[in-house]
Amino acid sequence: MKKSKSKPHPTITQVKIIQNKNNFPISWLNKQGFCEYGIYLENVKGIKAKHTEAMIEGTREHSLLESKFREEAEPATFNEMMETSRTAEILSRELPVMSVKYGIRGFIDEVWMTPDEFIIIDDKPGNVAYSSSINQIYGYCLAFKDNIKDKRRIIASLRERGTDNIYWSSYFDDKAEKHILKSIKRIHQLLNGFREYIPTGNPKKCRKCRFNSFCDRKANF
């Protein structure tokens, strides 16, 4: 993957300026589906909140899987992996992806590269394919696609964390790409001040939100 020089956004945390364009974490596509206003509270207002138990457990699980993978994996560059995968199946974990074109970046939990297709996997707690989770995995697929010159199919997959259970999977086709581009466009409009951050209207989400005690836009309980 190509690297580009970046600098932090002057007022919005987690946003970087790369080639004079805002670049945000792909995980925001998940957060956007849960509550856009949470992105505003954390990254614009700069509110600090404790990580939830689920977030802590997720970080721990990712670290364990990554450590185990590194013990058995053979070091290789991205170009070497792409070339090898033309004739054999290979696996990569925590693969960094960044698209200057779309202004997104992140780390893919797992990628299976085969002679016929690329399977992009994101690990999630539970086994429900929420629209926000689908948006996140589509974001990874888009960034991955933007970094390769390859006609192999790309498959987006959600896996139950800590298991081999792929509970949702779909081809990343033109329809999926158009869908996620709308969400990405909206976030860039938010960052540029052309749109207002919309809070969720779901009281259940508010009760679960770690910014609940700081929020001035909570849904009525």
C-alpha atoms as a PDB file:
ATOM      1  CA  MET A   1       0.000   0.000   0.000  1.00  0.00           C
ATOM      2  CA  LYS A   2       1.303   3.448  -0.895  1.00  0.00           C
ATOM      3  CA  LYS A   3       2.022   5.877   1.924  1.00  0.00           C
ATOM      4  CA  SER A   4       1.295   9.588   1.794  1.00  0.00           C
ATOM      5  CA  LYS A   5       2.422  12.385   4.052  1.00  0.00           C
ATOM      6  CA  SER A   6      -0.246  13.506   6.487  1.00  0.00           C
ATOM      7  CA  LYS A   7      -0.864  16.076   9.181  1.00  0.00           C
ATOM      8  CA  PRO A   8      -3.530  16.204  11.879  1.00  0.00           C
ATOM      9  CA  HIS A   9      -6.683  18.214  11.294  1.00  0.00           C
ATOM     10  CA  PRO A  10      -6.443  21.486  13.257  1.00  0.00           C
ATOM     11  CA  THR A  11      -9.772  21.065  15.097  1.00  0.00           C
ATOM     12  CA  ILE A  12     -11.122  17.528  14.587  1.00  0.00           C
ATOM     13  CA  THR A  13      -9.338  14.629  16.266  1.00  0.00           C
ATOM     14  CA  GLN A  14      -8.722  11.375  14.348  1.00  0.00           C
ATOM     15  CA  VAL A  15      -9.007  13.263  11.052  1.00  0.00           C
ATOM     16  CA  LYS A  16      -5.829  13.661   9.025  1.00  0.00           C
ATOM     17  CA  ILE A  17      -5.079  15.972   6.122  1.00  0.00           C
ATOM     18  CA  ILE A  18      -3.610  13.958   3.257  1.00  0.00           C
ATOM     19  CA  GLN A  19      -2.928  15.663  -0.060  1.00  0.00           C
ATOM     20  CA  ASN A  20      -5.027  18.623   1.092  1.00  0.00           C
ATOM     21  CA  LYS A  21      -8.055  16.423   1.759  1.00  0.00           C
ATOM     22  CA  ASN A  22      -9.696  15.243   4.967  1.00  0.00           C
ATOM     23  CA  ASN A  23      -9.138  11.572   5.711  1.00  0.00           C
ATOM     24  CA  PHE A  24     -11.175   9.844   8.433  1.00  0.00           C
ATOM     25  CA  PRO A  25     -11.126   6.356  10.037  1.00  0.00           C
ATOM     26  CA  ILE A  26     -13.292   3.775   8.280  1.00  0.00           C
ATOM     27  CA  SER A  27     -14.659   2.765  11.704  1.00  0.00           C
ATOM     28  CA  TRP A  28     -16.607   6.039  11.617  1.00  0.00           C
ATOM     29  CA  LEU A  29     -18.917   4.447   9.047  1.00  0.00           C
ATOM     30  CA  ASN A  30     -19.998   2.120  11.860  1.00  0.00           C
ATOM     31  CA  LYS A  31     -20.264   4.925  14.404  1.00  0.00           C
ATOM     32  CA  GLN A  32     -22.276   6.986  11.939  1.00  0.00           C
ATOM     33  CA  GLY A  33     -24.885   4.244  11.751  1.00  0.00           C
ATOM     34  CA  PHE A  34     -25.103   4.084  15.538  1.00  0.00           C
ATOM     35  CA  CYS A  35     -25.200   7.844  16.133  1.00  0.00           C
ATOM     36  CA  GLU A  36     -23.551  10.589  14.098  1.00  0.00           C
ATOM     37  CA  TYR A  37     -23.671  12.933  17.052  1.00  0.00           C
ATOM     38  CA  GLY A  38     -21.309  10.640  18.933  1.00  0.00           C
ATOM     39  CA  ILE A  39     -18.635  11.404  16.324  1.00  0.00           C
ATOM     40  CA  TYR A  40     -19.203  15.102  16.970  1.00  0.00           C
ATOM     41  CA  LEU A  41     -19.011  14.776  20.761  1.00  0.00           C
ATOM     42  CA  GLU A  42     -15.781  12.763  20.672  1.00  0.00           C
ATOM     43  CA  ASN A  43     -13.889  14.382  17.831  1.00  0.00           C
ATOM     44  CA  VAL A  44     -15.188  17.927  17.493  1.00  0.00           C
ATOM     45  CA  LYS A  45     -16.068  18.787  21.090  1.00  0.00           C
ATOM     46  CA  GLY A  46     -13.208  16.615  22.348  1.00  0.00           C
ATOM     47  CA  ILE A  47     -15.183  14.829  25.060  1.00  0.00           C
ATOM     48  CA  LYS A  48     -13.322  11.954  26.706  1.00  0.00           C
ATOM     49  CA  ALA A  49     -15.294   8.914  27.831  1.00  0.00           C
ATOM     50  CA  LYS A  50     -14.254   5.564  29.248  1.00  0.00           C
ATOM     51  CA  HIS A  51     -14.110   2.643  26.861  1.00  0.00           C
ATOM     52  CA  THR A  52     -16.937   0.157  27.226  1.00  0.00           C
ATOM     53  CA  GLU A  53     -16.312  -3.444  28.271  1.00  0.00           C
ATOM     54  CA  ALA A  54     -17.114  -4.520  24.712  1.00  0.00           C
ATOM     55  CA  MET A  55     -14.449  -2.163  23.326  1.00  0.00           C
ATOM     56  CA  ILE A  56     -11.853  -3.407  25.819  1.00  0.00           C
ATOM     57  CA  GLU A  57     -12.688  -7.039  25.068  1.00  0.00           C
ATOM     58  CA  GLY A  58     -12.520  -6.362  21.335  1.00  0.00           C
ATOM     59  CA  THR A  59      -9.072  -4.792  21.623  1.00  0.00           C
ATOM     60  CA  ARG A  60      -7.858  -7.726  23.736  1.00  0.00           C
ATOM     61  CA  GLU A  61      -9.210 -10.278  21.247  1.00  0.00           C
ATOM     62  CA  HIS A  62      -7.622  -8.470  18.292  1.00  0.00           C
ATOM     63  CA  SER A  63      -4.261  -8.376  20.060  1.00  0.00           C
ATOM     64  CA  LEU A  64      -4.350 -12.094  20.835  1.00  0.00           C
ATOM     65  CA  LEU A  65      -5.242 -13.036  17.264  1.00  0.00           C
ATOM     66  CA  GLU A  66      -2.588 -10.718  15.852  1.00  0.00           C
ATOM     67  CA  SER A  67       0.092 -12.135  18.173  1.00  0.00           C
ATOM     68  CA  LYS A  68      -0.811 -15.701  17.208  1.00  0.00           C
ATOM     69  CA  PHE A  69      -0.809 -14.804  13.519  1.00  0.00           C
ATOM     70  CA  ARG A  70       2.630 -13.157  13.706  1.00  0.00           C
ATOM     71  CA  GLU A  71       4.100 -16.249  15.349  1.00  0.00           C
ATOM     72  CA  GLU A  72       3.212 -18.358  12.320  1.00  0.00           C
ATOM     73  CA  ALA A  73       3.246 -15.833   9.456  1.00  0.00           C
ATOM     74  CA  GLU A  74       6.050 -15.242   6.999  1.00  0.00           C
ATOM     75  CA  PRO A  75       6.906 -11.551   6.459  1.00  0.00           C
ATOM     76  CA  ALA A  76       5.937 -10.218   3.026  1.00  0.00           C
ATOM     77  CA  THR A  77       5.191  -6.921   1.365  1.00  0.00           C
ATOM     78  CA  PHE A  78       1.724  -6.191   0.029  1.00  0.00           C
ATOM     79  CA  ASN A  79       2.948  -6.545  -3.560  1.00  0.00           C
ATOM     80  CA  GLU A  80       4.517  -9.903  -2.721  1.00  0.00           C
ATOM     81  CA  MET A  81       1.252 -11.101  -1.177  1.00  0.00           C
ATOM     82  CA  MET A  82      -0.717  -9.994  -4.233  1.00  0.00           C
ATOM     83  CA  GLU A  83       1.650 -11.837  -6.562  1.00  0.00           C
ATOM     84  CA  THR A  84       1.664 -15.029  -4.472  1.00  0.00           C
ATOM     85  CA  SER A  85      -2.134 -15.028  -4.269  1.00  0.00           C
ATOM     86  CA  ARG A  86      -2.432 -15.369  -8.040  1.00  0.00           C
ATOM     87  CA  THR A  87      -1.558 -19.053  -7.695  1.00  0.00           C
ATOM     88  CA  ALA A  88      -2.120 -19.822  -3.993  1.00  0.00           C
ATOM     89  CA  GLU A  89      -4.362 -18.884  -1.080  1.00  0.00           C
ATOM     90  CA  ILE A  90      -2.785 -16.634   1.528  1.00  0.00           C
ATOM     91  CA  LEU A  91      -3.976 -14.848   4.650  1.00  0.00           C
ATOM     92  CA  SER A  92      -3.177 -11.423   6.073  1.00  0.00           C
ATOM     93  CA  ARG A  93      -4.327  -9.828   9.340  1.00  0.00           C
ATOM     94  CA  GLU A  94      -4.572  -6.191  10.421  1.00  0.00           C
ATOM     95  CA  LEU A  95      -3.888  -5.068   6.868  1.00  0.00           C
ATOM     96  CA  PRO A  96      -3.595  -1.265   6.661  1.00  0.00           C
ATOM     97  CA  VAL A  97      -5.591   0.376   3.879  1.00  0.00           C
ATOM     98  CA  MET A  98      -5.821   4.030   2.942  1.00  0.00           C
ATOM     99  CA  SER A  99      -7.545   5.801   0.080  1.00  0.00           C
ATOM    100  CA  VAL A 100      -6.571   9.373  -0.701  1.00  0.00           C
ATOM    101  CA  LYS A 101      -9.282   9.480  -3.362  1.00  0.00           C
ATOM    102  CA  TYR A 102     -12.113   8.720  -0.942  1.00  0.00           C
ATOM    103  CA  GLY A 103     -10.508  10.168   2.185  1.00  0.00           C
ATOM    104  CA  ILE A 104     -10.698   7.017   4.310  1.00  0.00           C
ATOM    105  CA  ARG A 105      -8.256   4.739   6.113  1.00  0.00           C
ATOM    106  CA  GLY A 106      -8.214   1.809   8.524  1.00  0.00           C
ATOM    107  CA  PHE A 107      -7.017  -1.705   9.344  1.00  0.00           C
ATOM    108  CA  ILE A 108      -8.785  -4.753   7.936  1.00  0.00           C
ATOM    109  CA  ASP A 109      -9.101  -7.525  10.521  1.00  0.00           C
ATOM    110  CA  GLU A 110      -8.433 -10.292   8.016  1.00  0.00           C
ATOM    111  CA  VAL A 111      -8.021 -10.714   4.259  1.00  0.00           C
ATOM    112  CA  TRP A 112      -8.082 -13.995   2.380  1.00  0.00           C
ATOM    113  CA  MET A 113      -6.370 -13.621  -0.992  1.00  0.00           C
ATOM    114  CA  THR A 114      -7.091 -16.400  -3.481  1.00  0.00           C
ATOM    115  CA  PRO A 115      -6.528 -16.805  -7.227  1.00  0.00           C
ATOM    116  CA  ASP A 116     -10.227 -16.022  -7.775  1.00  0.00           C
ATOM    117  CA  GLU A 117     -11.215 -13.483  -5.129  1.00  0.00           C
ATOM    118  CA  PHE A 118     -10.385 -11.346  -2.114  1.00  0.00           C
ATOM    119  CA  ILE A 119     -12.391 -11.989   1.040  1.00  0.00           C
ATOM    120  CA  ILE A 120     -12.409  -8.961   3.357  1.00  0.00           C
ATOM    121  CA  ILE A 121     -13.361  -9.941   6.921  1.00  0.00           C
ATOM    122  CA  ASP A 122     -14.343  -7.746   9.862  1.00  0.00           C
ATOM    123  CA  ASP A 123     -14.767  -9.334  13.283  1.00  0.00           C
ATOM    124  CA  LYS A 124     -17.765  -8.220  15.335  1.00  0.00           C
ATOM    125  CA  PRO A 125     -19.223  -9.236  18.708  1.00  0.00           C
ATOM    126  CA  GLY A 126     -22.411 -11.262  18.245  1.00  0.00           C
ATOM    127  CA  ASN A 127     -23.830 -12.407  14.934  1.00  0.00           C
ATOM    128  CA  VAL A 128     -26.253  -9.710  13.803  1.00  0.00           C
ATOM    129  CA  ALA A 129     -25.477  -7.951  10.526  1.00  0.00           C
ATOM    130  CA  TYR A 130     -26.339  -4.395  11.497  1.00  0.00           C
ATOM    131  CA  SER A 131     -26.418  -1.865   8.661  1.00  0.00           C
ATOM    132  CA  SER A 132     -23.666   0.090  10.434  1.00  0.00           C
ATOM    133  CA  SER A 133     -21.408  -2.986  10.479  1.00  0.00           C
ATOM    134  CA  ILE A 134     -22.093  -3.559   6.784  1.00  0.00           C
ATOM    135  CA  ASN A 135     -21.166   0.044   6.041  1.00  0.00           C
ATOM    136  CA  GLN A 136     -17.847  -0.407   7.817  1.00  0.00           C
ATOM    137  CA  ILE A 137     -16.897  -3.556   5.933  1.00  0.00           C
ATOM    138  CA  TYR A 138     -17.941  -1.910   2.659  1.00  0.00           C
ATOM    139  CA  GLY A 139     -15.606   0.966   3.544  1.00  0.00           C
ATOM    140  CA  TYR A 140     -12.714  -1.470   3.926  1.00  0.00           C
ATOM    141  CA  CYS A 141     -13.589  -3.060   0.592  1.00  0.00           C
ATOM    142  CA  LEU A 142     -13.646   0.311  -1.148  1.00  0.00           C
ATOM    143  CA  ALA A 143     -10.260   1.346   0.255  1.00  0.00           C
ATOM    144  CA  PHE A 144      -8.787  -2.055  -0.643  1.00  0.00           C
ATOM    145  CA  LYS A 145     -10.163  -1.860  -4.189  1.00  0.00           C
ATOM    146  CA  ASP A 146      -8.747   1.638  -4.624  1.00  0.00           C
ATOM    147  CA  ASN A 147      -5.257   0.310  -3.861  1.00  0.00           C
ATOM    148  CA  ILE A 148      -5.155  -2.557  -6.336  1.00  0.00           C
ATOM    149  CA  LYS A 149      -5.225  -3.011 -10.079  1.00  0.00           C
ATOM    150  CA  ASP A 150      -6.886  -6.382 -10.146  1.00  0.00           C
ATOM    151  CA  LYS A 151     -10.148  -7.697 -11.562  1.00  0.00           C
ATOM    152  CA  ARG A 152     -10.623 -10.406  -8.952  1.00  0.00           C
ATOM    153  CA  ARG A 153     -13.934 -10.309  -7.065  1.00  0.00           C
ATOM    154  CA  ILE A 154     -14.074  -8.701  -3.641  1.00  0.00           C
ATOM    155  CA  ILE A 155     -16.308 -10.260  -0.995  1.00  0.00           C
ATOM    156  CA  ALA A 156     -17.324  -8.391   2.148  1.00  0.00           C
ATOM    157  CA  SER A 157     -17.765 -10.625   5.210  1.00  0.00           C
ATOM    158  CA  LEU A 158     -18.715 -10.222   8.868  1.00  0.00           C
ATOM    159  CA  ARG A 159     -17.456 -12.827  11.331  1.00  0.00           C
ATOM    160  CA  GLU A 160     -18.453 -13.508  14.915  1.00  0.00           C
ATOM    161  CA  ARG A 161     -15.470 -12.458  17.008  1.00  0.00           C
ATOM    162  CA  GLY A 162     -13.422 -15.340  18.413  1.00  0.00           C
ATOM    163  CA  THR A 163     -15.024 -17.919  16.097  1.00  0.00           C
ATOM    164  CA  ASP A 164     -14.942 -19.080  12.475  1.00  0.00           C
ATOM    165  CA  ASN A 165     -18.602 -18.146  12.008  1.00  0.00           C
ATOM    166  CA  ILE A 166     -19.022 -15.952   8.924  1.00  0.00           C
ATOM    167  CA  TYR A 167     -22.605 -14.845   9.567  1.00  0.00           C
ATOM    168  CA  TRP A 168     -22.939 -12.360   6.703  1.00  0.00           C
ATOM    169  CA  SER A 169     -21.271 -12.145   3.315  1.00  0.00           C
ATOM    170  CA  SER A 170     -21.882 -10.276   0.064  1.00  0.00           C
ATOM    171  CA  TYR A 171     -20.060  -9.379  -3.131  1.00  0.00           C
ATOM    172  CA  PHE A 172     -18.734  -5.832  -3.142  1.00  0.00           C
ATOM    173  CA  ASP A 173     -20.385  -4.905  -6.437  1.00  0.00           C
ATOM    174  CA  ASP A 174     -21.359  -1.622  -8.075  1.00  0.00           C
ATOM    175  CA  LYS A 175     -24.520  -1.389  -5.962  1.00  0.00           C
ATOM    176  CA  ALA A 176     -22.577  -1.808  -2.722  1.00  0.00           C
ATOM    177  CA  GLU A 177     -19.983   0.735  -3.859  1.00  0.00           C
ATOM    178  CA  LYS A 178     -22.605   3.355  -4.687  1.00  0.00           C
ATOM    179  CA  HIS A 179     -24.258   2.717  -1.318  1.00  0.00           C
ATOM    180  CA  ILE A 180     -21.138   3.288   0.750  1.00  0.00           C
ATOM    181  CA  LEU A 181     -20.024   6.286  -1.298  1.00  0.00           C
ATOM    182  CA  LYS A 182     -23.174   8.110  -0.134  1.00  0.00           C
ATOM    183  CA  SER A 183     -22.242   7.546   3.524  1.00  0.00           C
ATOM    184  CA  ILE A 184     -18.639   8.595   2.915  1.00  0.00           C
ATOM    185  CA  LYS A 185     -19.781  11.733   1.094  1.00  0.00           C
ATOM    186  CA  ARG A 186     -22.019  12.675   4.025  1.00  0.00           C
ATOM    187  CA  ILE A 187     -19.203  12.348   6.566  1.00  0.00           C
ATOM    188  CA  HIS A 188     -16.980  14.580   4.451  1.00  0.00           C
ATOM    189  CA  GLN A 189     -19.820  17.102   4.289  1.00  0.00           C
ATOM    190  CA  LEU A 190     -20.038  16.974   8.090  1.00  0.00           C
ATOM    191  CA  LEU A 191     -16.301  17.553   8.421  1.00  0.00           C
ATOM    192  CA  ASN A 192     -16.442  20.496   6.020  1.00  0.00           C
ATOM    193  CA  GLY A 193     -19.376  22.074   7.866  1.00  0.00           C
ATOM    194  CA  PHE A 194     -21.910  21.602   5.072  1.00  0.00           C
ATOM    195  CA  ARG A 195     -24.174  19.340   7.166  1.00  0.00           C
ATOM    196  CA  GLU A 196     -25.201  19.062  10.807  1.00  0.00           C
ATOM    197  CA  TYR A 197     -24.485  15.962  12.877  1.00  0.00           C
ATOM    198  CA  ILE A 198     -27.760  14.142  13.482  1.00  0.00           C
ATOM    199  CA  PRO A 199     -28.281  12.347  16.822  1.00  0.00           C
ATOM    200  CA  THR A 200     -30.030   9.003  16.986  1.00  0.00           C
ATOM    201  CA  GLY A 201     -33.697   9.028  17.853  1.00  0.00           C
ATOM    202  CA  ASN A 202     -33.423   5.584  19.451  1.00  0.00           C
ATOM    203  CA  PRO A 203     -33.500   5.690  23.297  1.00  0.00           C
ATOM    204  CA  LYS A 204     -31.976   2.193  23.460  1.00  0.00           C
ATOM    205  CA  LYS A 205     -28.871   3.428  21.643  1.00  0.00           C
ATOM    206  CA  CYS A 206     -28.673   6.415  23.983  1.00  0.00           C
ATOM    207  CA  ARG A 207     -28.706   4.170  27.037  1.00  0.00           C
ATOM    208  CA  LYS A 208     -25.807   2.130  25.641  1.00  0.00           C
ATOM    209  CA  CYS A 209     -23.764   5.123  24.476  1.00  0.00           C
ATOM    210  CA  ARG A 210     -20.602   5.904  26.427  1.00  0.00           C
ATOM    211  CA  PHE A 211     -21.211   9.620  25.827  1.00  0.00           C
ATOM    212  CA  ASN A 212     -24.658   9.460  27.408  1.00  0.00           C
ATOM    213  CA  SER A 213     -23.811  11.592  30.442  1.00  0.00           C
ATOM    214  CA  PHE A 214     -22.234  14.294  28.234  1.00  0.00           C
ATOM    215  CA  CYS A 215     -24.869  14.411  25.500  1.00  0.00           C
ATOM    216  CA  ASP A 216     -27.208  17.369  25.069  1.00  0.00           C
ATOM    217  CA  ARG A 217     -29.192  15.698  22.266  1.00  0.00           C
ATOM    218  CA  LYS A 218     -30.377  12.480  23.926  1.00  0.00           C
ATOM    219  CA  ALA A 219     -33.549  10.824  22.722  1.00  0.00           C
ATOM    220  CA  ASN A 220     -36.504  10.870  25.088  1.00  0.00           C
ATOM    221  CA  PHE A 221     -36.615   7.783  27.301  1.00  0.00           C
END
